[in-house]
Amino acid sequence: MQGRELGAGVPRQISPQPNDAGACMAIEDAAVLGRALENVDETTIEGALKRYERARSERTARVQIGSRGNEWLKQGGNADWVYGYDANSAPLGPL
């Protein structure tokens, strides 16, 4: 988030997604953003958006790196960390 701009959904995941992760990430973004915005008002919206950004940064970076290298498909690795993510229960952190 920069100033009053928030990147979410597929545009946020600007990298090749050979495993259709871009669409999945957009759905995850929406679910986490919805949770982050629960019970906020005009005085807490900025904090809620920063909480959303913090909650998504590590995961989106990890999926982008994995997708660019296509590591789990090339090397036959375990991709449970990708498919086992639950956007409805992932920790959000403090407001």
C-alpha atoms as a PDB file:
ATOM      1  CA  MET A   1       0.000   0.000   0.000  1.00  0.00           C
ATOM      2  CA  GLN A   2       1.382   3.401  -0.985  1.00  0.00           C
ATOM      3  CA  GLY A   3      -0.463   6.513   0.097  1.00  0.00           C
ATOM      4  CA  ARG A   4      -4.109   5.725  -0.609  1.00  0.00           C
ATOM      5  CA  GLU A   5      -3.503   2.984  -3.192  1.00  0.00           C
ATOM      6  CA  LEU A   6      -4.019  -0.717  -2.539  1.00  0.00           C
ATOM      7  CA  GLY A   7      -2.959  -3.494  -4.871  1.00  0.00           C
ATOM      8  CA  ALA A   8      -5.075  -6.632  -4.722  1.00  0.00           C
ATOM      9  CA  GLY A   9      -6.008  -9.561  -6.879  1.00  0.00           C
ATOM     10  CA  VAL A  10      -4.298 -10.684 -10.053  1.00  0.00           C
ATOM     11  CA  PRO A  11      -2.602  -7.313 -10.785  1.00  0.00           C
ATOM     12  CA  ARG A  12      -0.812  -7.633  -7.437  1.00  0.00           C
ATOM     13  CA  GLN A  13       0.653 -10.964  -8.536  1.00  0.00           C
ATOM     14  CA  ILE A  14       2.570  -9.746 -11.602  1.00  0.00           C
ATOM     15  CA  SER A  15       4.488 -12.877 -12.516  1.00  0.00           C
ATOM     16  CA  PRO A  16       3.903 -15.931 -14.644  1.00  0.00           C
ATOM     17  CA  GLN A  17       1.560 -18.313 -12.875  1.00  0.00           C
ATOM     18  CA  PRO A  18       1.828 -21.656 -14.679  1.00  0.00           C
ATOM     19  CA  ASN A  19      -0.144 -23.365 -11.937  1.00  0.00           C
ATOM     20  CA  ASP A  20      -3.095 -20.938 -12.101  1.00  0.00           C
ATOM     21  CA  ALA A  21      -1.958 -19.472  -8.806  1.00  0.00           C
ATOM     22  CA  GLY A  22      -2.856 -15.937  -9.961  1.00  0.00           C
ATOM     23  CA  ALA A  23      -6.573 -16.635  -9.897  1.00  0.00           C
ATOM     24  CA  CYS A  24      -6.287 -18.424  -6.559  1.00  0.00           C
ATOM     25  CA  MET A  25      -4.276 -15.545  -5.110  1.00  0.00           C
ATOM     26  CA  ALA A  26      -6.973 -13.064  -6.181  1.00  0.00           C
ATOM     27  CA  ILE A  27      -9.589 -15.104  -4.327  1.00  0.00           C
ATOM     28  CA  GLU A  28      -7.339 -15.320  -1.284  1.00  0.00           C
ATOM     29  CA  ASP A  29      -6.732 -11.556  -1.450  1.00  0.00           C
ATOM     30  CA  ALA A  30     -10.471 -10.925  -1.444  1.00  0.00           C
ATOM     31  CA  ALA A  31     -11.073 -13.233   1.519  1.00  0.00           C
ATOM     32  CA  VAL A  32      -8.242 -11.782   3.618  1.00  0.00           C
ATOM     33  CA  LEU A  33      -9.166  -8.198   2.676  1.00  0.00           C
ATOM     34  CA  GLY A  34     -12.770  -8.837   3.689  1.00  0.00           C
ATOM     35  CA  ARG A  35     -11.626 -10.162   7.046  1.00  0.00           C
ATOM     36  CA  ALA A  36      -9.218  -7.245   7.546  1.00  0.00           C
ATOM     37  CA  LEU A  37     -12.002  -4.738   6.885  1.00  0.00           C
ATOM     38  CA  GLU A  38     -14.496  -6.235   9.325  1.00  0.00           C
ATOM     39  CA  ASN A  39     -15.688  -3.737  11.936  1.00  0.00           C
ATOM     40  CA  VAL A  40     -13.545  -0.830  10.716  1.00  0.00           C
ATOM     41  CA  ASP A  41     -14.587   2.767  10.363  1.00  0.00           C
ATOM     42  CA  GLU A  42     -13.011   5.852   8.830  1.00  0.00           C
ATOM     43  CA  THR A  43     -10.583   6.151  11.760  1.00  0.00           C
ATOM     44  CA  THR A  44      -9.272   2.580  11.476  1.00  0.00           C
ATOM     45  CA  ILE A  45      -9.387   1.922   7.710  1.00  0.00           C
ATOM     46  CA  GLU A  46      -5.724   2.768   7.106  1.00  0.00           C
ATOM     47  CA  GLY A  47      -4.590   0.413   9.866  1.00  0.00           C
ATOM     48  CA  ALA A  48      -6.858  -2.327   8.506  1.00  0.00           C
ATOM     49  CA  LEU A  49      -5.381  -1.988   5.011  1.00  0.00           C
ATOM     50  CA  LYS A  50      -1.845  -2.142   6.410  1.00  0.00           C
ATOM     51  CA  ARG A  51      -2.829  -5.251   8.372  1.00  0.00           C
ATOM     52  CA  TYR A  52      -4.111  -6.819   5.129  1.00  0.00           C
ATOM     53  CA  GLU A  53      -0.850  -5.950   3.371  1.00  0.00           C
ATOM     54  CA  ARG A  54       1.255  -7.466   6.160  1.00  0.00           C
ATOM     55  CA  ALA A  55      -0.910 -10.588   6.200  1.00  0.00           C
ATOM     56  CA  ARG A  56      -0.493 -11.175   2.432  1.00  0.00           C
ATOM     57  CA  SER A  57       3.086 -10.035   1.713  1.00  0.00           C
ATOM     58  CA  GLU A  58       4.998 -13.165   2.703  1.00  0.00           C
ATOM     59  CA  ARG A  59       2.621 -15.579   0.990  1.00  0.00           C
ATOM     60  CA  THR A  60       2.341 -13.629  -2.263  1.00  0.00           C
ATOM     61  CA  ALA A  61       6.125 -13.264  -2.464  1.00  0.00           C
ATOM     62  CA  ARG A  62       6.658 -16.971  -1.853  1.00  0.00           C
ATOM     63  CA  VAL A  63       4.102 -18.004  -4.488  1.00  0.00           C
ATOM     64  CA  GLN A  64       5.601 -15.595  -7.020  1.00  0.00           C
ATOM     65  CA  ILE A  65       9.099 -16.941  -6.470  1.00  0.00           C
ATOM     66  CA  GLY A  66       7.882 -20.531  -6.695  1.00  0.00           C
ATOM     67  CA  SER A  67       5.863 -19.805  -9.822  1.00  0.00           C
ATOM     68  CA  ARG A  68       8.744 -18.058 -11.582  1.00  0.00           C
ATOM     69  CA  GLY A  69      10.991 -21.034 -11.022  1.00  0.00           C
ATOM     70  CA  ASN A  70       8.144 -23.551 -11.294  1.00  0.00           C
ATOM     71  CA  GLU A  71      10.100 -25.382  -8.608  1.00  0.00           C
ATOM     72  CA  TRP A  72       7.512 -27.771  -7.230  1.00  0.00           C
ATOM     73  CA  LEU A  73       6.555 -29.107 -10.666  1.00  0.00           C
ATOM     74  CA  LYS A  74      10.107 -29.397 -12.027  1.00  0.00           C
ATOM     75  CA  GLN A  75      11.573 -31.059  -8.967  1.00  0.00           C
ATOM     76  CA  GLY A  76       8.566 -33.057  -7.823  1.00  0.00           C
ATOM     77  CA  GLY A  77       8.538 -31.212  -4.506  1.00  0.00           C
ATOM     78  CA  ASN A  78       5.747 -30.973  -2.014  1.00  0.00           C
ATOM     79  CA  ALA A  79       3.347 -28.117  -2.823  1.00  0.00           C
ATOM     80  CA  ASP A  80       1.089 -28.619   0.200  1.00  0.00           C
ATOM     81  CA  TRP A  81       2.133 -25.171   1.458  1.00  0.00           C
ATOM     82  CA  VAL A  82       0.492 -23.696  -1.677  1.00  0.00           C
ATOM     83  CA  TYR A  83      -2.724 -25.662  -1.668  1.00  0.00           C
ATOM     84  CA  GLY A  84      -3.130 -25.995   2.091  1.00  0.00           C
ATOM     85  CA  TYR A  85      -3.448 -22.250   2.739  1.00  0.00           C
ATOM     86  CA  ASP A  86      -6.731 -21.180   4.333  1.00  0.00           C
ATOM     87  CA  ALA A  87      -7.492 -17.492   3.713  1.00  0.00           C
ATOM     88  CA  ASN A  88     -10.402 -17.683   6.154  1.00  0.00           C
ATOM     89  CA  SER A  89      -8.182 -18.558   9.106  1.00  0.00           C
ATOM     90  CA  ALA A  90      -4.756 -17.127   8.210  1.00  0.00           C
ATOM     91  CA  PRO A  91      -3.537 -14.814  10.973  1.00  0.00           C
ATOM     92  CA  LEU A  92      -4.150 -11.103  10.388  1.00  0.00           C
ATOM     93  CA  GLY A  93      -2.139  -9.584  13.201  1.00  0.00           C
ATOM     94  CA  PRO A  94      -3.017  -6.478  15.220  1.00  0.00           C
ATOM     95  CA  LEU A  95      -4.936  -3.538  13.760  1.00  0.00           C
END
